[in-house]
Amino acid sequence: MDAGNARADSVAAGEGYDPATHPVHRLRATAIGAGAVLLWASLALFTTLTGRIPPFQLTAMAFAVGGVLGLPRALRGGGALVRAVPRGAWAIGVAGLFGYHFFYFLALRNAPAVDAGLLAYLWPLLIVVLSALLPGERLRWWHVVGAVLGLGGTFLLVTGGHGVQFRREYLLGYVAAAVCAVVWSTYSVANRRYPRVPTDMVAFFCLATAVLAAVCHLLFEDTVRPGGGQWLAVLALGLGPVGGAFYIWDHGTKHGDIRLLGTLSYAAPLLSTALLIATGRADASWPVAAACVLITGGALLASADALRAARRRG
């Protein structure tokens, strides 16, 4: 039996929940998954550098780069590996990556960016709550409180300390933003059901997303030809926040602490704002400082038990 067939048999036999057997391994996988949060922090900066490239065109280009990034490793498994991946894993992977971006762009087209962004960023809190449905996971009060603190910090960042007024004429955008949050949180938690589906498969999920985004671009947008600097920004997106990040997020959600990853995800808008401030594209303010306290405090609270367990058994 060749390596590809052996790997495919392992995938076919491995569907189901497979919790980490050692807290240190679990913590390591969580740290790897948290790397995606760091990469997502660069999303706003690189997106601004792409200029006026339409959203679906940009998504198609960046995901194409992300898919090609992992394609050499994915192809080593051969066709047997692809055929052995359960249909549920295919559905979750493609629906998660494409569905999130589709509904996010729909929300931005039909509601103010502040309102849509705030509703869409309910997904970290939903990850923490939905994790209670997984076998072997226990949701404690400090996990929920930590996630709520993170949500509060994100609210300050997104609104700049001002209130948000929801209006009925933006109902479609609000619904799309909420669906966006549900899609990504459901993908992240449901991904846990397929721990033995190799992360290399994310390459195919990215390429499928690129094709679907290209179709949406042709239907709804006019094509913009990128310049030299814009091509570099697109490449950076595909290698980082819209491509490479999904490989390490896949590993983290399958083998790490899903509740802690949900809480840590609130660091993305904070780090993104800090990066924009550092590059002169945003100004420092009291909401940024307050958000830093809330998000950091929430992450420390939610991670306390995981860190204690790792120290005891390491």
Protein backbone atom coordinates (compact mmCIF):
# COMPACT_ATOMS: atom_id res chain seq x y z
CA MET A 1 0.00 0.00 0.00
CA ASP A 2 1.46 3.40 -0.94
CA ALA A 3 1.65 6.37 1.40
CA GLY A 4 -1.31 8.12 -0.20
CA ASN A 5 -3.64 5.14 0.21
CA ALA A 6 -2.47 4.55 3.78
CA ARG A 7 -3.16 8.17 4.61
CA ALA A 8 -6.58 7.97 2.96
CA ASP A 9 -7.48 4.90 5.02
CA SER A 10 -6.51 6.78 8.16
CA VAL A 11 -8.79 9.68 7.19
CA ALA A 12 -11.69 7.40 6.32
CA ALA A 13 -11.41 5.58 9.63
CA GLY A 14 -10.82 8.70 11.66
CA GLU A 15 -14.08 10.63 11.40
CA GLY A 16 -15.31 11.62 14.83
CA TYR A 17 -14.16 13.45 17.90
CA ASP A 18 -10.58 12.85 18.93
CA PRO A 19 -9.68 14.97 21.98
CA ALA A 20 -6.05 15.77 22.73
CA THR A 21 -4.61 13.20 25.14
CA HIS A 22 -2.18 15.56 26.85
CA PRO A 23 -2.83 19.16 27.98
CA VAL A 24 0.57 20.31 26.71
CA HIS A 25 -0.24 19.05 23.20
CA ARG A 26 -3.61 20.76 23.42
CA LEU A 27 -2.01 24.01 24.53
CA ARG A 28 0.53 23.79 21.68
CA ALA A 29 -2.26 23.33 19.14
CA THR A 30 -4.09 26.29 20.69
CA ALA A 31 -0.96 28.43 20.30
CA ILE A 32 -0.71 27.40 16.65
CA GLY A 33 -4.37 28.29 16.07
CA ALA A 34 -3.83 31.64 17.78
CA GLY A 35 -1.28 32.39 15.07
CA ALA A 36 -4.26 32.84 12.73
CA VAL A 37 -5.47 35.67 14.96
CA LEU A 38 -2.11 37.39 14.53
CA LEU A 39 -2.35 37.02 10.76
CA TRP A 40 -5.94 38.31 10.70
CA ALA A 41 -4.68 41.44 12.45
CA SER A 42 -2.97 42.41 9.18
CA LEU A 43 -6.17 42.05 7.14
CA ALA A 44 -7.24 45.70 7.34
CA LEU A 45 -3.78 47.04 6.49
CA PHE A 46 -3.22 44.79 3.47
CA THR A 47 -6.78 45.36 2.26
CA THR A 48 -6.26 49.13 2.24
CA LEU A 49 -3.14 48.60 0.13
CA THR A 50 -5.16 46.77 -2.57
CA GLY A 51 -6.88 50.02 -3.51
CA ARG A 52 -10.23 49.76 -5.31
CA ILE A 53 -10.20 46.07 -6.21
CA PRO A 54 -13.82 44.90 -5.71
CA PRO A 55 -14.44 42.59 -2.71
CA PHE A 56 -15.30 39.38 -4.58
CA GLN A 57 -12.47 39.87 -7.07
CA LEU A 58 -10.08 40.40 -4.16
CA THR A 59 -11.43 37.31 -2.39
CA ALA A 60 -11.00 35.17 -5.50
CA MET A 61 -7.43 36.36 -6.01
CA ALA A 62 -6.35 36.01 -2.38
CA PHE A 63 -7.90 32.57 -1.93
CA ALA A 64 -6.29 31.41 -5.16
CA VAL A 65 -2.93 32.37 -3.66
CA GLY A 66 -3.85 30.65 -0.40
CA GLY A 67 -4.91 27.48 -2.21
CA VAL A 68 -1.76 27.31 -4.33
CA LEU A 69 0.26 27.83 -1.13
CA GLY A 70 -0.78 24.45 0.26
CA LEU A 71 -1.36 22.60 -3.00
CA PRO A 72 2.04 20.83 -3.24
CA ARG A 73 1.56 19.12 0.13
CA ALA A 74 -2.10 18.37 -0.58
CA LEU A 75 -1.28 16.67 -3.90
CA ARG A 76 1.21 14.37 -2.22
CA GLY A 77 -1.72 12.50 -0.70
CA GLY A 78 -3.04 11.67 -4.17
CA GLY A 79 -6.60 11.23 -5.37
CA ALA A 80 -7.26 8.52 -2.79
CA LEU A 81 -6.88 11.06 -0.01
CA VAL A 82 -9.31 13.51 -1.61
CA ARG A 83 -11.90 10.78 -2.17
CA ALA A 84 -11.54 9.54 1.42
CA VAL A 85 -12.38 12.91 2.98
CA PRO A 86 -15.99 12.73 4.27
CA ARG A 87 -18.56 14.81 2.43
CA GLY A 88 -19.36 16.58 5.67
CA ALA A 89 -15.80 17.85 5.92
CA TRP A 90 -15.98 19.14 2.33
CA ALA A 91 -19.29 20.88 3.03
CA ILE A 92 -18.07 22.46 6.27
CA GLY A 93 -14.77 23.60 4.75
CA VAL A 94 -16.16 25.22 1.60
CA ALA A 95 -19.31 26.61 3.25
CA GLY A 96 -17.27 28.04 6.11
CA LEU A 97 -14.66 29.83 4.01
CA PHE A 98 -16.91 31.01 1.19
CA GLY A 99 -20.09 31.47 3.24
CA TYR A 100 -18.43 33.77 5.75
CA HIS A 101 -17.04 36.09 3.09
CA PHE A 102 -20.21 36.05 0.97
CA PHE A 103 -22.46 37.12 3.86
CA TYR A 104 -19.88 39.59 5.15
CA PHE A 105 -19.76 41.41 1.82
CA LEU A 106 -23.56 41.24 1.56
CA ALA A 107 -23.77 42.86 5.00
CA LEU A 108 -21.38 45.66 4.04
CA ARG A 109 -23.43 46.38 0.90
CA ASN A 110 -26.68 46.69 2.86
CA ALA A 111 -25.75 48.22 6.22
CA PRO A 112 -23.25 50.73 7.63
CA ALA A 113 -19.80 49.21 8.05
CA VAL A 114 -19.73 49.85 11.82
CA ASP A 115 -23.06 48.10 12.42
CA ALA A 116 -22.24 45.18 10.12
CA GLY A 117 -18.76 44.73 11.57
CA LEU A 118 -20.04 44.67 15.13
CA LEU A 119 -22.70 42.05 14.39
CA ALA A 120 -20.29 39.95 12.34
CA TYR A 121 -17.83 39.95 15.22
CA LEU A 122 -20.23 37.99 17.40
CA TRP A 123 -18.51 34.84 16.08
CA PRO A 124 -15.86 34.54 18.82
CA LEU A 125 -18.58 34.64 21.50
CA LEU A 126 -20.64 32.11 19.54
CA ILE A 127 -17.61 29.79 19.31
CA VAL A 128 -17.29 29.82 23.09
CA VAL A 129 -21.01 29.12 23.58
CA LEU A 130 -21.29 26.47 20.85
CA SER A 131 -18.24 24.62 22.18
CA ALA A 132 -20.48 23.35 24.98
CA LEU A 133 -22.10 21.05 22.40
CA LEU A 134 -18.83 19.19 21.77
CA PRO A 135 -18.05 15.92 23.58
CA GLY A 136 -15.39 16.35 26.22
CA GLU A 137 -15.78 20.13 26.49
CA ARG A 138 -17.09 21.91 29.60
CA LEU A 139 -18.23 25.49 29.40
CA ARG A 140 -17.55 27.38 32.64
CA TRP A 141 -18.61 30.86 33.70
CA TRP A 142 -15.12 32.31 33.23
CA HIS A 143 -15.10 31.25 29.58
CA VAL A 144 -18.34 33.12 28.92
CA VAL A 145 -17.33 36.17 30.96
CA GLY A 146 -13.95 36.31 29.19
CA ALA A 147 -15.67 36.20 25.79
CA VAL A 148 -18.17 38.89 26.81
CA LEU A 149 -15.31 41.15 27.96
CA GLY A 150 -13.70 40.64 24.57
CA LEU A 151 -16.96 41.55 22.87
CA GLY A 152 -17.12 44.72 24.94
CA GLY A 153 -13.62 45.67 23.88
CA THR A 154 -14.49 45.03 20.25
CA PHE A 155 -17.58 47.22 20.61
CA LEU A 156 -15.38 50.10 21.75
CA LEU A 157 -12.97 49.59 18.85
CA VAL A 158 -15.63 49.34 16.17
CA THR A 159 -17.77 52.23 17.41
CA GLY A 160 -14.95 54.48 18.65
CA GLY A 161 -16.79 54.83 21.94
CA HIS A 162 -19.98 56.09 20.30
CA GLY A 163 -23.31 54.33 20.30
CA VAL A 164 -24.78 52.27 17.49
CA GLN A 165 -28.24 52.98 16.15
CA PHE A 166 -29.84 50.10 14.29
CA ARG A 167 -32.38 51.07 11.64
CA ARG A 168 -34.98 48.98 9.87
CA GLU A 169 -33.91 49.98 6.36
CA TYR A 170 -30.66 48.08 6.97
CA LEU A 171 -32.40 44.90 8.08
CA LEU A 172 -30.98 42.80 5.21
CA GLY A 173 -27.47 43.90 6.10
CA TYR A 174 -27.99 43.14 9.78
CA VAL A 175 -29.33 39.68 9.02
CA ALA A 176 -26.43 38.98 6.65
CA ALA A 177 -23.91 40.07 9.30
CA ALA A 178 -25.54 37.82 11.89
CA VAL A 179 -25.53 34.90 9.45
CA CYS A 180 -21.88 35.64 8.78
CA ALA A 181 -21.13 35.25 12.52
CA VAL A 182 -23.13 32.02 12.73
CA VAL A 183 -21.41 30.55 9.65
CA TRP A 184 -17.87 31.12 10.90
CA SER A 185 -18.54 30.01 14.48
CA THR A 186 -20.36 26.89 13.27
CA TYR A 187 -17.53 26.07 10.87
CA SER A 188 -14.92 26.49 13.60
CA VAL A 189 -16.75 24.28 16.09
CA ALA A 190 -18.01 21.67 13.60
CA ASN A 191 -14.47 21.34 12.24
CA ARG A 192 -13.71 19.53 15.50
CA ARG A 193 -15.72 16.52 14.25
CA TYR A 194 -13.04 15.72 11.67
CA PRO A 195 -9.72 15.72 13.57
CA ARG A 196 -8.06 13.25 11.19
CA VAL A 197 -8.89 15.11 8.01
CA PRO A 198 -5.45 16.59 7.26
CA THR A 199 -4.98 20.33 7.29
CA ASP A 200 -3.57 19.97 3.76
CA MET A 201 -7.18 19.73 2.56
CA VAL A 202 -7.60 23.44 3.31
CA ALA A 203 -5.81 24.04 0.00
CA PHE A 204 -8.78 22.54 -1.88
CA PHE A 205 -11.26 24.44 0.28
CA CYS A 206 -9.43 27.68 -0.57
CA LEU A 207 -9.42 26.92 -4.29
CA ALA A 208 -13.14 26.07 -4.23
CA THR A 209 -13.79 29.36 -2.43
CA ALA A 210 -11.73 31.20 -5.05
CA VAL A 211 -13.85 29.72 -7.86
CA LEU A 212 -17.14 30.62 -6.12
CA ALA A 213 -15.89 34.15 -5.39
CA ALA A 214 -14.85 34.53 -9.03
CA VAL A 215 -18.37 33.58 -10.13
CA CYS A 216 -19.84 36.19 -7.75
CA HIS A 217 -17.38 38.75 -9.09
CA LEU A 218 -18.43 38.12 -12.68
CA LEU A 219 -22.10 38.39 -11.70
CA PHE A 220 -21.97 41.45 -9.47
CA GLU A 221 -18.78 43.46 -10.06
CA ASP A 222 -16.65 45.15 -12.68
CA THR A 223 -13.09 43.87 -12.98
CA VAL A 224 -10.25 46.14 -11.87
CA ARG A 225 -6.74 45.44 -13.16
CA PRO A 226 -4.31 45.61 -10.20
CA GLY A 227 -1.08 47.59 -10.35
CA GLY A 228 2.31 46.40 -9.12
CA GLY A 229 1.84 47.43 -5.48
CA GLN A 230 -1.67 46.00 -5.45
CA TRP A 231 -0.40 42.65 -6.67
CA LEU A 232 2.03 42.58 -3.75
CA ALA A 233 -0.81 43.35 -1.33
CA VAL A 234 -2.94 40.56 -2.83
CA LEU A 235 0.00 38.17 -2.48
CA ALA A 236 0.43 39.22 1.15
CA LEU A 237 -3.27 38.60 1.80
CA GLY A 238 -3.10 35.11 0.29
CA LEU A 239 0.02 34.18 2.23
CA GLY A 240 -1.37 35.62 5.45
CA PRO A 241 -4.89 36.62 6.59
CA VAL A 242 -6.87 35.37 3.57
CA GLY A 243 -5.14 32.06 2.94
CA GLY A 244 -2.29 30.96 5.15
CA ALA A 245 -4.21 31.79 8.34
CA PHE A 246 -6.85 29.17 7.56
CA TYR A 247 -4.31 26.33 7.64
CA ILE A 248 -3.22 27.05 11.19
CA TRP A 249 -6.80 27.86 12.28
CA ASP A 250 -7.83 24.44 10.99
CA HIS A 251 -5.16 22.77 13.14
CA GLY A 252 -6.06 24.82 16.20
CA THR A 253 -9.80 24.21 16.03
CA LYS A 254 -9.31 20.48 15.54
CA HIS A 255 -6.76 19.86 18.28
CA GLY A 256 -6.61 22.92 20.55
CA ASP A 257 -8.83 24.56 23.17
CA ILE A 258 -11.74 25.83 21.09
CA ARG A 259 -13.12 28.00 23.91
CA LEU A 260 -9.80 29.75 24.42
CA LEU A 261 -9.35 30.25 20.67
CA GLY A 262 -12.76 31.91 20.53
CA THR A 263 -11.81 34.34 23.28
CA LEU A 264 -8.34 35.04 21.85
CA SER A 265 -9.95 35.90 18.50
CA TYR A 266 -11.09 39.21 19.96
CA ALA A 267 -7.43 40.26 19.88
CA ALA A 268 -7.61 40.48 16.07
CA PRO A 269 -9.44 43.84 15.84
CA LEU A 270 -7.27 45.23 18.64
CA LEU A 271 -4.01 44.21 16.97
CA SER A 272 -5.37 45.38 13.62
CA THR A 273 -6.09 48.83 15.07
CA ALA A 274 -2.65 48.94 16.69
CA LEU A 275 -1.04 48.10 13.34
CA LEU A 276 -3.01 50.84 11.59
CA ILE A 277 -1.94 53.31 14.29
CA ALA A 278 1.70 52.24 13.96
CA THR A 279 1.59 52.81 10.19
CA GLY A 280 -0.11 56.20 10.51
CA ARG A 281 -3.46 55.04 9.12
CA ALA A 282 -5.39 55.50 12.38
CA ASP A 283 -5.14 57.58 15.56
CA ALA A 284 -4.69 56.40 19.14
CA SER A 285 -7.62 57.13 21.45
CA TRP A 286 -9.15 56.21 24.79
CA PRO A 287 -11.46 53.53 23.25
CA VAL A 288 -8.35 51.74 21.97
CA ALA A 289 -6.78 51.78 25.44
CA ALA A 290 -10.00 50.63 27.11
CA ALA A 291 -10.46 47.89 24.52
CA CYS A 292 -6.91 46.70 25.21
CA VAL A 293 -7.75 46.28 28.90
CA LEU A 294 -11.05 44.49 28.25
CA ILE A 295 -9.75 42.12 25.58
CA THR A 296 -6.54 41.27 27.44
CA GLY A 297 -8.43 40.75 30.69
CA GLY A 298 -11.00 38.55 29.00
CA ALA A 299 -8.32 36.41 27.36
CA LEU A 300 -6.46 35.94 30.66
CA LEU A 301 -9.67 34.99 32.45
CA ALA A 302 -10.70 32.49 29.78
CA SER A 303 -7.26 30.91 29.59
CA ALA A 304 -6.61 30.50 33.31
CA ASP A 305 -7.70 26.86 33.60
CA ALA A 306 -5.88 25.79 30.41
CA LEU A 307 -2.62 27.34 31.58
CA ARG A 308 -2.93 25.79 35.06
CA ALA A 309 -3.59 22.34 33.62
CA ALA A 310 -0.61 22.57 31.30
CA ARG A 311 1.70 23.61 34.14
CA ARG A 312 0.48 20.77 36.39
CA ARG A 313 0.93 18.04 33.80
CA GLY A 314 3.77 19.43 31.69
